[in-house]
Amino acid sequence: MIVASELKAGMALRLEGHIFKVLQSEFKAGGGQTGGVVKSLLQNVATGREWDRRFHPDEKLEDLAIERHNLEFLYTDGENCVFMNPDNFEQIEMPQAVLGRMESFLQAGGSVPVEFCEDKPISVILPDVVEARVAETAAPQHSQQDSTWKEAVLDNGVRILVPLFIATGELVRIDTRTGKYLERVRVEKKKGA
């Protein structure tokens, strides 16, 4: 058991018979006689639904242990993402709803850390930034305006907005938490080649 004021992102809790992962948590001090409040964003690990919840700072909560294992991503079958434990070849399914937009950034055959709570997979830990190639977009334009965007489709099928100067075939960096374009990857040209 922990008190709500000790909540941190990444923890797992049992509330109302369901397991939730803490995505964000922040203490807001109260004024005068009020003791403040802990604002938390929780995700139901079974459904993927997010819940904006407030707790009293001294409210007791049941925290759960989280284990992390590196698994190999195999494929998506429509509703679930299937992973394999490389040690014993056991296949583990995780609902796509739990992964949300992160599912698009999984690469078949790639190894990713998967978090487990009570022997059930609850989340995948992806790097904050990934690189992807632009598969399709409008012809590049080099205009004076940097704040104009166009749609692009990445090689993993994800649709994002990119600046006008990005061309098909270019490598770009994407924030996996938001799914937004960060920057173009500059490829160093070899001298004498």
N, C-alpha and C. Protein backbone atom coordinates (compact mmCIF):
# COMPACT_ATOMS: atom_id res chain seq x y z
N MET A 1 0.84 -1.19 0.00
CA MET A 1 0.00 0.00 0.00
C MET A 1 0.88 1.25 0.00
N ILE A 2 0.43 2.23 -0.74
CA ILE A 2 1.12 3.52 -0.74
C ILE A 2 0.07 4.61 -0.56
N VAL A 3 0.52 5.81 -0.26
CA VAL A 3 -0.40 6.94 -0.20
C VAL A 3 -0.34 7.65 -1.55
N ALA A 4 -1.43 8.30 -1.93
CA ALA A 4 -1.57 8.92 -3.25
C ALA A 4 -0.47 9.94 -3.54
N SER A 5 0.03 10.61 -2.52
CA SER A 5 1.07 11.62 -2.76
C SER A 5 2.37 10.99 -3.26
N GLU A 6 2.53 9.66 -3.16
CA GLU A 6 3.73 8.96 -3.62
C GLU A 6 3.59 8.42 -5.05
N LEU A 7 2.44 8.67 -5.69
CA LEU A 7 2.23 8.15 -7.05
C LEU A 7 3.22 8.75 -8.03
N LYS A 8 3.72 7.89 -8.94
CA LYS A 8 4.64 8.33 -10.00
C LYS A 8 4.24 7.64 -11.30
N ALA A 9 4.54 8.28 -12.41
CA ALA A 9 4.27 7.68 -13.72
C ALA A 9 5.00 6.35 -13.82
N GLY A 10 4.31 5.34 -14.38
CA GLY A 10 4.91 4.03 -14.56
C GLY A 10 4.47 3.02 -13.51
N MET A 11 3.87 3.47 -12.41
CA MET A 11 3.41 2.55 -11.37
C MET A 11 2.12 1.86 -11.81
N ALA A 12 1.80 0.74 -11.16
CA ALA A 12 0.54 0.03 -11.42
C ALA A 12 -0.27 0.00 -10.13
N LEU A 13 -1.59 0.17 -10.26
CA LEU A 13 -2.50 0.20 -9.11
C LEU A 13 -3.69 -0.70 -9.37
N ARG A 14 -4.31 -1.16 -8.28
CA ARG A 14 -5.59 -1.84 -8.39
C ARG A 14 -6.65 -0.91 -7.80
N LEU A 15 -7.61 -0.52 -8.63
CA LEU A 15 -8.72 0.34 -8.21
C LEU A 15 -10.01 -0.28 -8.68
N GLU A 16 -10.97 -0.38 -7.80
CA GLU A 16 -12.30 -0.90 -8.14
C GLU A 16 -12.21 -2.23 -8.87
N GLY A 17 -11.24 -3.07 -8.48
CA GLY A 17 -11.09 -4.40 -9.06
C GLY A 17 -10.38 -4.47 -10.40
N HIS A 18 -9.91 -3.32 -10.91
CA HIS A 18 -9.22 -3.27 -12.20
C HIS A 18 -7.78 -2.81 -11.99
N ILE A 19 -6.91 -3.21 -12.92
CA ILE A 19 -5.52 -2.79 -12.86
C ILE A 19 -5.33 -1.58 -13.76
N PHE A 20 -4.69 -0.55 -13.22
CA PHE A 20 -4.42 0.68 -13.96
C PHE A 20 -2.93 0.99 -13.92
N LYS A 21 -2.43 1.55 -15.02
CA LYS A 21 -1.06 2.04 -15.04
C LYS A 21 -1.12 3.56 -14.91
N VAL A 22 -0.24 4.12 -14.08
CA VAL A 22 -0.19 5.56 -13.88
C VAL A 22 0.60 6.18 -15.03
N LEU A 23 -0.06 7.02 -15.83
CA LEU A 23 0.60 7.69 -16.95
C LEU A 23 1.20 9.02 -16.50
N GLN A 24 0.48 9.74 -15.64
CA GLN A 24 0.94 11.02 -15.10
C GLN A 24 0.39 11.17 -13.70
N SER A 25 1.13 11.87 -12.85
CA SER A 25 0.63 12.16 -11.51
C SER A 25 1.31 13.42 -11.01
N GLU A 26 0.48 14.30 -10.42
CA GLU A 26 1.04 15.56 -9.95
C GLU A 26 0.24 16.03 -8.73
N PHE A 27 0.96 16.53 -7.74
CA PHE A 27 0.34 17.05 -6.51
C PHE A 27 0.04 18.52 -6.70
N LYS A 28 -1.19 18.91 -6.40
CA LYS A 28 -1.60 20.32 -6.45
C LYS A 28 -1.88 20.76 -5.01
N ALA A 29 -1.11 21.71 -4.55
CA ALA A 29 -1.28 22.19 -3.18
C ALA A 29 -2.61 22.91 -3.03
N GLY A 30 -3.22 22.72 -1.89
CA GLY A 30 -4.49 23.39 -1.59
C GLY A 30 -4.23 24.71 -0.91
N GLY A 31 -5.24 25.51 -0.83
CA GLY A 31 -5.12 26.80 -0.15
C GLY A 31 -5.88 26.78 1.17
N GLY A 32 -5.35 27.45 2.16
CA GLY A 32 -6.03 27.55 3.45
C GLY A 32 -6.19 26.21 4.13
N GLN A 33 -7.42 25.81 4.40
CA GLN A 33 -7.70 24.58 5.13
C GLN A 33 -7.66 23.31 4.27
N THR A 34 -7.68 23.47 2.95
CA THR A 34 -7.68 22.28 2.10
C THR A 34 -6.27 21.70 1.99
N GLY A 35 -6.19 20.40 1.96
CA GLY A 35 -4.90 19.71 1.97
C GLY A 35 -4.30 19.47 0.59
N GLY A 36 -4.95 19.92 -0.44
CA GLY A 36 -4.44 19.69 -1.78
C GLY A 36 -5.06 18.45 -2.39
N VAL A 37 -4.59 18.13 -3.60
CA VAL A 37 -5.13 17.00 -4.34
C VAL A 37 -4.03 16.43 -5.23
N VAL A 38 -4.10 15.12 -5.48
CA VAL A 38 -3.19 14.47 -6.40
C VAL A 38 -3.97 14.20 -7.68
N LYS A 39 -3.57 14.87 -8.78
CA LYS A 39 -4.22 14.66 -10.08
C LYS A 39 -3.43 13.59 -10.82
N SER A 40 -4.13 12.55 -11.26
CA SER A 40 -3.46 11.45 -11.94
C SER A 40 -4.20 11.08 -13.22
N LEU A 41 -3.43 10.69 -14.22
CA LEU A 41 -3.99 10.15 -15.45
C LEU A 41 -3.65 8.67 -15.44
N LEU A 42 -4.70 7.84 -15.41
CA LEU A 42 -4.54 6.39 -15.32
C LEU A 42 -5.02 5.73 -16.60
N GLN A 43 -4.43 4.57 -16.93
CA GLN A 43 -4.87 3.81 -18.09
C GLN A 43 -5.27 2.41 -17.65
N ASN A 44 -6.49 2.01 -17.99
CA ASN A 44 -6.96 0.66 -17.70
C ASN A 44 -6.16 -0.28 -18.60
N VAL A 45 -5.43 -1.23 -18.00
CA VAL A 45 -4.55 -2.09 -18.81
C VAL A 45 -5.31 -3.13 -19.62
N ALA A 46 -6.58 -3.36 -19.31
CA ALA A 46 -7.36 -4.33 -20.08
C ALA A 46 -8.03 -3.69 -21.30
N THR A 47 -8.46 -2.43 -21.16
CA THR A 47 -9.22 -1.78 -22.23
C THR A 47 -8.46 -0.67 -22.94
N GLY A 48 -7.43 -0.13 -22.29
CA GLY A 48 -6.69 1.00 -22.86
C GLY A 48 -7.32 2.34 -22.58
N ARG A 49 -8.50 2.35 -21.94
CA ARG A 49 -9.18 3.61 -21.63
C ARG A 49 -8.42 4.40 -20.58
N GLU A 50 -8.40 5.71 -20.78
CA GLU A 50 -7.73 6.59 -19.82
C GLU A 50 -8.75 7.20 -18.86
N TRP A 51 -8.30 7.44 -17.64
CA TRP A 51 -9.17 7.94 -16.59
C TRP A 51 -8.43 9.05 -15.86
N ASP A 52 -9.00 10.24 -15.87
CA ASP A 52 -8.45 11.38 -15.14
C ASP A 52 -9.01 11.31 -13.73
N ARG A 53 -8.17 10.99 -12.76
CA ARG A 53 -8.65 10.71 -11.40
C ARG A 53 -7.95 11.61 -10.40
N ARG A 54 -8.69 12.05 -9.39
CA ARG A 54 -8.14 12.88 -8.31
C ARG A 54 -8.19 12.08 -7.01
N PHE A 55 -7.13 12.20 -6.24
CA PHE A 55 -7.04 11.52 -4.95
C PHE A 55 -6.70 12.53 -3.87
N HIS A 56 -7.11 12.23 -2.62
CA HIS A 56 -6.61 12.99 -1.48
C HIS A 56 -5.16 12.55 -1.27
N PRO A 57 -4.26 13.46 -0.92
CA PRO A 57 -2.84 13.09 -0.80
C PRO A 57 -2.58 11.93 0.16
N ASP A 58 -3.39 11.78 1.21
CA ASP A 58 -3.15 10.71 2.19
C ASP A 58 -4.00 9.47 1.94
N GLU A 59 -4.70 9.41 0.79
CA GLU A 59 -5.53 8.26 0.46
C GLU A 59 -4.64 7.04 0.20
N LYS A 60 -4.98 5.91 0.81
CA LYS A 60 -4.18 4.69 0.65
C LYS A 60 -4.62 3.95 -0.62
N LEU A 61 -3.61 3.52 -1.41
CA LEU A 61 -3.87 2.83 -2.67
C LEU A 61 -3.07 1.54 -2.72
N GLU A 62 -3.62 0.54 -3.42
CA GLU A 62 -2.93 -0.74 -3.57
C GLU A 62 -2.03 -0.68 -4.79
N ASP A 63 -0.71 -0.63 -4.54
CA ASP A 63 0.23 -0.63 -5.66
C ASP A 63 0.62 -2.06 -5.98
N LEU A 64 0.94 -2.31 -7.25
CA LEU A 64 1.25 -3.66 -7.72
C LEU A 64 2.66 -3.69 -8.31
N ALA A 65 3.31 -4.83 -8.14
CA ALA A 65 4.67 -5.00 -8.67
C ALA A 65 4.62 -5.14 -10.19
N ILE A 66 5.60 -4.54 -10.85
CA ILE A 66 5.73 -4.62 -12.31
C ILE A 66 7.04 -5.31 -12.64
N GLU A 67 6.96 -6.29 -13.54
CA GLU A 67 8.16 -6.96 -14.04
C GLU A 67 8.33 -6.56 -15.50
N ARG A 68 9.59 -6.53 -15.94
CA ARG A 68 9.87 -6.16 -17.33
C ARG A 68 10.65 -7.29 -17.99
N HIS A 69 10.18 -7.70 -19.19
CA HIS A 69 10.84 -8.75 -19.96
C HIS A 69 11.00 -8.27 -21.39
N ASN A 70 12.14 -8.60 -22.01
CA ASN A 70 12.34 -8.28 -23.43
C ASN A 70 11.70 -9.38 -24.26
N LEU A 71 10.74 -8.97 -25.11
CA LEU A 71 10.04 -9.91 -25.98
C LEU A 71 10.22 -9.48 -27.43
N GLU A 72 10.04 -10.44 -28.32
CA GLU A 72 10.12 -10.17 -29.75
C GLU A 72 8.71 -9.95 -30.29
N PHE A 73 8.52 -8.82 -31.00
CA PHE A 73 7.21 -8.56 -31.61
C PHE A 73 7.09 -9.40 -32.87
N LEU A 74 5.98 -10.16 -32.98
CA LEU A 74 5.77 -11.03 -34.14
C LEU A 74 4.83 -10.41 -35.17
N TYR A 75 3.58 -10.14 -34.76
CA TYR A 75 2.58 -9.64 -35.71
C TYR A 75 1.36 -9.12 -34.96
N THR A 76 0.46 -8.49 -35.74
CA THR A 76 -0.83 -8.04 -35.22
C THR A 76 -1.90 -8.84 -35.94
N ASP A 77 -2.86 -9.40 -35.18
CA ASP A 77 -3.88 -10.23 -35.80
C ASP A 77 -5.24 -9.54 -35.91
N GLY A 78 -5.28 -8.25 -35.79
CA GLY A 78 -6.55 -7.53 -35.90
C GLY A 78 -6.97 -6.91 -34.58
N GLU A 79 -6.98 -7.71 -33.51
CA GLU A 79 -7.36 -7.20 -32.20
C GLU A 79 -6.20 -7.22 -31.21
N ASN A 80 -5.24 -8.10 -31.45
CA ASN A 80 -4.13 -8.27 -30.51
C ASN A 80 -2.78 -8.14 -31.20
N CYS A 81 -1.79 -7.72 -30.42
CA CYS A 81 -0.41 -7.75 -30.85
C CYS A 81 0.21 -8.98 -30.22
N VAL A 82 0.93 -9.75 -31.02
CA VAL A 82 1.49 -11.01 -30.54
C VAL A 82 3.00 -10.87 -30.39
N PHE A 83 3.48 -11.23 -29.19
CA PHE A 83 4.90 -11.18 -28.85
C PHE A 83 5.36 -12.59 -28.52
N MET A 84 6.68 -12.81 -28.61
CA MET A 84 7.22 -14.11 -28.26
C MET A 84 8.37 -13.93 -27.27
N ASN A 85 8.37 -14.78 -26.24
CA ASN A 85 9.46 -14.82 -25.29
C ASN A 85 10.59 -15.61 -25.95
N PRO A 86 11.76 -14.99 -26.22
CA PRO A 86 12.83 -15.71 -26.91
C PRO A 86 13.47 -16.83 -26.08
N ASP A 87 13.23 -16.84 -24.77
CA ASP A 87 13.81 -17.88 -23.91
C ASP A 87 13.04 -19.20 -24.00
N ASN A 88 11.69 -19.12 -24.02
CA ASN A 88 10.91 -20.36 -24.02
C ASN A 88 9.94 -20.44 -25.22
N PHE A 89 10.00 -19.46 -26.13
CA PHE A 89 9.18 -19.42 -27.35
C PHE A 89 7.67 -19.32 -27.07
N GLU A 90 7.29 -18.96 -25.85
CA GLU A 90 5.88 -18.76 -25.50
C GLU A 90 5.38 -17.49 -26.19
N GLN A 91 4.17 -17.58 -26.77
CA GLN A 91 3.58 -16.41 -27.42
C GLN A 91 2.62 -15.73 -26.45
N ILE A 92 2.69 -14.40 -26.42
CA ILE A 92 1.90 -13.59 -25.50
C ILE A 92 1.13 -12.57 -26.31
N GLU A 93 -0.17 -12.45 -26.05
CA GLU A 93 -1.01 -11.49 -26.76
C GLU A 93 -1.31 -10.29 -25.86
N MET A 94 -1.35 -9.11 -26.49
CA MET A 94 -1.71 -7.89 -25.79
C MET A 94 -2.74 -7.16 -26.66
N PRO A 95 -3.87 -6.74 -26.09
CA PRO A 95 -4.88 -6.03 -26.89
C PRO A 95 -4.31 -4.77 -27.54
N GLN A 96 -4.65 -4.55 -28.81
CA GLN A 96 -4.21 -3.36 -29.53
C GLN A 96 -4.67 -2.09 -28.83
N ALA A 97 -5.85 -2.12 -28.22
CA ALA A 97 -6.39 -0.94 -27.55
C ALA A 97 -5.46 -0.45 -26.45
N VAL A 98 -4.76 -1.37 -25.79
CA VAL A 98 -3.85 -1.00 -24.72
C VAL A 98 -2.64 -0.26 -25.29
N LEU A 99 -2.17 -0.69 -26.46
CA LEU A 99 -1.00 -0.06 -27.07
C LEU A 99 -1.32 1.27 -27.72
N GLY A 100 -2.53 1.42 -28.24
CA GLY A 100 -2.90 2.66 -28.90
C GLY A 100 -2.01 2.93 -30.10
N ARG A 101 -1.60 4.17 -30.28
CA ARG A 101 -0.80 4.59 -31.43
C ARG A 101 0.58 3.95 -31.44
N MET A 102 1.07 3.50 -30.27
CA MET A 102 2.40 2.89 -30.22
C MET A 102 2.50 1.63 -31.06
N GLU A 103 1.37 0.95 -31.28
CA GLU A 103 1.37 -0.30 -32.05
C GLU A 103 1.94 -0.09 -33.44
N SER A 104 1.72 1.08 -34.03
CA SER A 104 2.21 1.38 -35.37
C SER A 104 3.72 1.43 -35.45
N PHE A 105 4.39 1.66 -34.32
CA PHE A 105 5.84 1.81 -34.33
C PHE A 105 6.57 0.51 -33.97
N LEU A 106 5.82 -0.57 -33.76
CA LEU A 106 6.45 -1.88 -33.51
C LEU A 106 6.90 -2.46 -34.84
N GLN A 107 8.09 -3.05 -34.86
CA GLN A 107 8.60 -3.65 -36.09
C GLN A 107 8.73 -5.15 -35.89
N ALA A 108 8.17 -5.92 -36.83
CA ALA A 108 8.22 -7.39 -36.74
C ALA A 108 9.67 -7.84 -36.59
N GLY A 109 9.88 -8.71 -35.61
CA GLY A 109 11.21 -9.23 -35.34
C GLY A 109 12.02 -8.38 -34.38
N GLY A 110 11.50 -7.20 -34.05
CA GLY A 110 12.21 -6.31 -33.13
C GLY A 110 11.98 -6.70 -31.68
N SER A 111 12.99 -6.49 -30.86
CA SER A 111 12.90 -6.78 -29.43
C SER A 111 12.48 -5.52 -28.68
N VAL A 112 11.46 -5.66 -27.83
CA VAL A 112 10.98 -4.52 -27.05
C VAL A 112 10.74 -4.94 -25.60
N PRO A 113 10.97 -4.03 -24.64
CA PRO A 113 10.65 -4.33 -23.26
C PRO A 113 9.12 -4.29 -23.06
N VAL A 114 8.59 -5.34 -22.44
CA VAL A 114 7.15 -5.42 -22.15
C VAL A 114 7.01 -5.52 -20.64
N GLU A 115 6.10 -4.70 -20.09
CA GLU A 115 5.86 -4.72 -18.64
C GLU A 115 4.72 -5.67 -18.32
N PHE A 116 4.90 -6.44 -17.25
CA PHE A 116 3.91 -7.41 -16.79
C PHE A 116 3.48 -7.06 -15.38
N CYS A 117 2.21 -7.26 -15.10
CA CYS A 117 1.66 -7.12 -13.76
C CYS A 117 0.77 -8.33 -13.52
N GLU A 118 1.05 -9.07 -12.47
CA GLU A 118 0.31 -10.30 -12.17
C GLU A 118 0.29 -11.24 -13.37
N ASP A 119 1.44 -11.41 -14.01
CA ASP A 119 1.65 -12.30 -15.15
C ASP A 119 0.87 -11.93 -16.40
N LYS A 120 0.36 -10.68 -16.47
CA LYS A 120 -0.34 -10.21 -17.67
C LYS A 120 0.42 -9.03 -18.25
N PRO A 121 0.58 -8.99 -19.58
CA PRO A 121 1.27 -7.84 -20.18
C PRO A 121 0.40 -6.59 -20.06
N ILE A 122 1.01 -5.49 -19.60
CA ILE A 122 0.22 -4.27 -19.42
C ILE A 122 0.69 -3.11 -20.29
N SER A 123 1.96 -3.14 -20.73
CA SER A 123 2.43 -2.05 -21.59
C SER A 123 3.74 -2.43 -22.27
N VAL A 124 4.01 -1.70 -23.35
CA VAL A 124 5.24 -1.85 -24.11
C VAL A 124 6.03 -0.56 -23.93
N ILE A 125 7.32 -0.69 -23.72
CA ILE A 125 8.17 0.49 -23.56
C ILE A 125 8.91 0.75 -24.87
N LEU A 126 8.49 1.78 -25.57
CA LEU A 126 9.14 2.16 -26.82
C LEU A 126 10.05 3.36 -26.55
N PRO A 127 11.07 3.55 -27.37
CA PRO A 127 11.85 4.77 -27.22
C PRO A 127 10.95 5.97 -27.49
N ASP A 128 11.27 7.11 -26.90
CA ASP A 128 10.46 8.32 -27.10
C ASP A 128 10.49 8.80 -28.53
N VAL A 129 11.61 8.52 -29.23
CA VAL A 129 11.77 8.99 -30.62
C VAL A 129 12.17 7.81 -31.49
N VAL A 130 11.50 7.67 -32.64
CA VAL A 130 11.87 6.64 -33.62
C VAL A 130 12.06 7.30 -34.98
N GLU A 131 12.78 6.61 -35.84
CA GLU A 131 12.97 7.09 -37.21
C GLU A 131 12.11 6.26 -38.15
N ALA A 132 11.51 6.92 -39.13
CA ALA A 132 10.68 6.23 -40.12
C ALA A 132 10.87 6.92 -41.47
N ARG A 133 10.67 6.16 -42.52
CA ARG A 133 10.83 6.70 -43.88
C ARG A 133 9.47 7.16 -44.39
N VAL A 134 9.47 8.30 -45.09
CA VAL A 134 8.25 8.83 -45.71
C VAL A 134 7.98 8.02 -46.96
N ALA A 135 6.86 7.31 -46.99
CA ALA A 135 6.50 6.47 -48.14
C ALA A 135 5.76 7.26 -49.21
N GLU A 136 5.01 8.27 -48.76
CA GLU A 136 4.17 8.99 -49.71
C GLU A 136 3.86 10.38 -49.17
N THR A 137 4.06 11.39 -49.99
CA THR A 137 3.70 12.76 -49.65
C THR A 137 3.70 13.60 -50.91
N ALA A 138 3.18 14.79 -50.83
CA ALA A 138 3.18 15.71 -51.98
C ALA A 138 4.61 16.15 -52.28
N ALA A 139 4.84 16.63 -53.48
CA ALA A 139 6.17 17.09 -53.88
C ALA A 139 6.66 18.18 -52.93
N PRO A 140 7.96 18.18 -52.65
CA PRO A 140 8.49 19.17 -51.70
C PRO A 140 8.42 20.58 -52.27
N GLN A 141 8.18 21.53 -51.38
CA GLN A 141 8.15 22.94 -51.75
C GLN A 141 9.06 23.68 -50.79
N HIS A 142 9.85 24.55 -51.31
CA HIS A 142 10.75 25.34 -50.48
C HIS A 142 10.23 26.77 -50.45
N SER A 143 9.26 27.00 -49.59
CA SER A 143 8.63 28.32 -49.51
C SER A 143 9.24 29.10 -48.35
N GLN A 144 8.82 30.31 -48.21
CA GLN A 144 9.32 31.18 -47.14
C GLN A 144 8.74 30.80 -45.78
N GLN A 145 7.61 30.14 -45.79
CA GLN A 145 6.89 29.85 -44.55
C GLN A 145 7.31 28.51 -43.95
N ASP A 146 7.73 28.50 -42.69
CA ASP A 146 8.12 27.27 -42.02
C ASP A 146 6.96 26.64 -41.26
N SER A 147 5.88 27.38 -41.11
CA SER A 147 4.79 26.90 -40.28
C SER A 147 3.69 26.18 -41.08
N THR A 148 3.92 25.93 -42.36
CA THR A 148 2.93 25.26 -43.19
C THR A 148 3.26 23.77 -43.26
N TRP A 149 2.23 22.95 -43.13
CA TRP A 149 2.41 21.49 -43.05
C TRP A 149 1.60 20.79 -44.13
N LYS A 150 2.02 19.58 -44.46
CA LYS A 150 1.29 18.73 -45.41
C LYS A 150 1.24 17.32 -44.84
N GLU A 151 0.32 16.51 -45.35
CA GLU A 151 0.18 15.14 -44.87
C GLU A 151 1.20 14.23 -45.54
N ALA A 152 1.69 13.26 -44.74
CA ALA A 152 2.62 12.26 -45.27
C ALA A 152 2.24 10.91 -44.68
N VAL A 153 2.48 9.85 -45.47
CA VAL A 153 2.27 8.48 -45.00
C VAL A 153 3.65 7.86 -44.82
N LEU A 154 3.89 7.31 -43.62
CA LEU A 154 5.18 6.68 -43.34
C LEU A 154 5.19 5.25 -43.83
N ASP A 155 6.37 4.63 -43.87
CA ASP A 155 6.47 3.24 -44.33
C ASP A 155 5.75 2.25 -43.42
N ASN A 156 5.38 2.66 -42.20
CA ASN A 156 4.61 1.80 -41.31
C ASN A 156 3.10 2.07 -41.40
N GLY A 157 2.70 2.93 -42.34
CA GLY A 157 1.28 3.22 -42.55
C GLY A 157 0.73 4.37 -41.73
N VAL A 158 1.52 4.93 -40.84
CA VAL A 158 1.07 6.04 -39.99
C VAL A 158 1.00 7.32 -40.81
N ARG A 159 -0.08 8.07 -40.62
CA ARG A 159 -0.23 9.37 -41.29
C ARG A 159 0.15 10.45 -40.31
N ILE A 160 1.03 11.35 -40.75
CA ILE A 160 1.46 12.47 -39.91
C ILE A 160 1.52 13.73 -40.74
N LEU A 161 1.71 14.85 -40.07
CA LEU A 161 1.93 16.11 -40.76
C LEU A 161 3.42 16.41 -40.73
N VAL A 162 3.94 16.83 -41.90
CA VAL A 162 5.36 17.17 -42.03
C VAL A 162 5.47 18.54 -42.68
N PRO A 163 6.62 19.21 -42.52
CA PRO A 163 6.82 20.49 -43.21
C PRO A 163 6.83 20.31 -44.73
N LEU A 164 6.58 21.38 -45.45
CA LEU A 164 6.48 21.33 -46.90
C LEU A 164 7.76 20.86 -47.60
N PHE A 165 8.93 21.04 -46.99
CA PHE A 165 10.19 20.69 -47.65
C PHE A 165 10.51 19.20 -47.61
N ILE A 166 9.74 18.39 -46.89
CA ILE A 166 9.99 16.95 -46.80
C ILE A 166 9.55 16.26 -48.09
N ALA A 167 10.39 15.36 -48.60
CA ALA A 167 10.11 14.64 -49.85
C ALA A 167 9.89 13.15 -49.56
N THR A 168 9.25 12.47 -50.50
CA THR A 168 9.08 11.02 -50.41
C THR A 168 10.45 10.37 -50.34
N GLY A 169 10.58 9.37 -49.47
CA GLY A 169 11.84 8.65 -49.33
C GLY A 169 12.75 9.18 -48.23
N GLU A 170 12.44 10.36 -47.69
CA GLU A 170 13.29 10.92 -46.63
C GLU A 170 13.02 10.24 -45.30
N LEU A 171 14.04 10.24 -44.45
CA LEU A 171 13.95 9.68 -43.11
C LEU A 171 13.61 10.81 -42.14
N VAL A 172 12.59 10.58 -41.29
CA VAL A 172 12.18 11.61 -40.32
C VAL A 172 12.13 11.01 -38.91
N ARG A 173 12.25 11.86 -37.92
CA ARG A 173 12.13 11.43 -36.52
C ARG A 173 10.73 11.78 -36.04
N ILE A 174 10.11 10.80 -35.31
CA ILE A 174 8.75 10.93 -34.82
C ILE A 174 8.74 10.72 -33.31
N ASP A 175 7.95 11.52 -32.60
CA ASP A 175 7.74 11.34 -31.16
C ASP A 175 6.68 10.25 -30.99
N THR A 176 7.04 9.10 -30.40
CA THR A 176 6.09 7.98 -30.29
C THR A 176 4.96 8.28 -29.31
N ARG A 177 5.18 9.19 -28.38
CA ARG A 177 4.12 9.51 -27.40
C ARG A 177 3.00 10.32 -28.02
N THR A 178 3.36 11.20 -28.97
CA THR A 178 2.36 12.07 -29.58
C THR A 178 2.08 11.72 -31.04
N GLY A 179 3.01 10.99 -31.67
CA GLY A 179 2.87 10.67 -33.09
C GLY A 179 3.17 11.85 -33.99
N LYS A 180 3.91 12.85 -33.48
CA LYS A 180 4.19 14.05 -34.26
C LYS A 180 5.62 14.07 -34.81
N TYR A 181 5.75 14.73 -35.95
CA TYR A 181 7.03 14.95 -36.61
C TYR A 181 7.93 15.79 -35.70
N LEU A 182 9.21 15.42 -35.60
CA LEU A 182 10.17 16.21 -34.83
C LEU A 182 11.19 16.89 -35.74
N GLU A 183 11.82 16.09 -36.63
CA GLU A 183 12.84 16.65 -37.51
C GLU A 183 13.17 15.68 -38.64
N ARG A 184 13.84 16.23 -39.66
CA ARG A 184 14.34 15.41 -40.76
C ARG A 184 15.69 14.85 -40.33
N VAL A 185 15.96 13.58 -40.69
CA VAL A 185 17.25 12.95 -40.40
C VAL A 185 18.19 13.30 -41.54
N ARG A 186 19.26 13.96 -41.22
CA ARG A 186 20.25 14.33 -42.23
C ARG A 186 21.22 13.19 -42.38
N VAL A 187 21.37 12.71 -43.59
CA VAL A 187 22.29 11.61 -43.88
C VAL A 187 23.61 12.22 -44.34
N GLU A 188 24.68 11.81 -43.66
CA GLU A 188 26.01 12.30 -44.03
C GLU A 188 26.44 11.68 -45.36
N LYS A 189 26.88 12.49 -46.29
CA LYS A 189 27.37 11.97 -47.56
C LYS A 189 28.85 11.64 -47.42
N LYS A 190 29.22 10.46 -47.90
CA LYS A 190 30.62 10.04 -47.80
C LYS A 190 31.45 10.79 -48.83
N LYS A 191 32.63 11.24 -48.39
CA LYS A 191 33.54 11.96 -49.30
C LYS A 191 34.22 10.97 -50.22
N GLY A 192 34.33 11.33 -51.45
CA GLY A 192 35.00 10.49 -52.43
C GLY A 192 34.12 9.41 -53.01
N ALA A 193 32.83 9.41 -52.62
CA ALA A 193 31.93 8.36 -53.12
C ALA A 193 31.19 8.84 -54.34
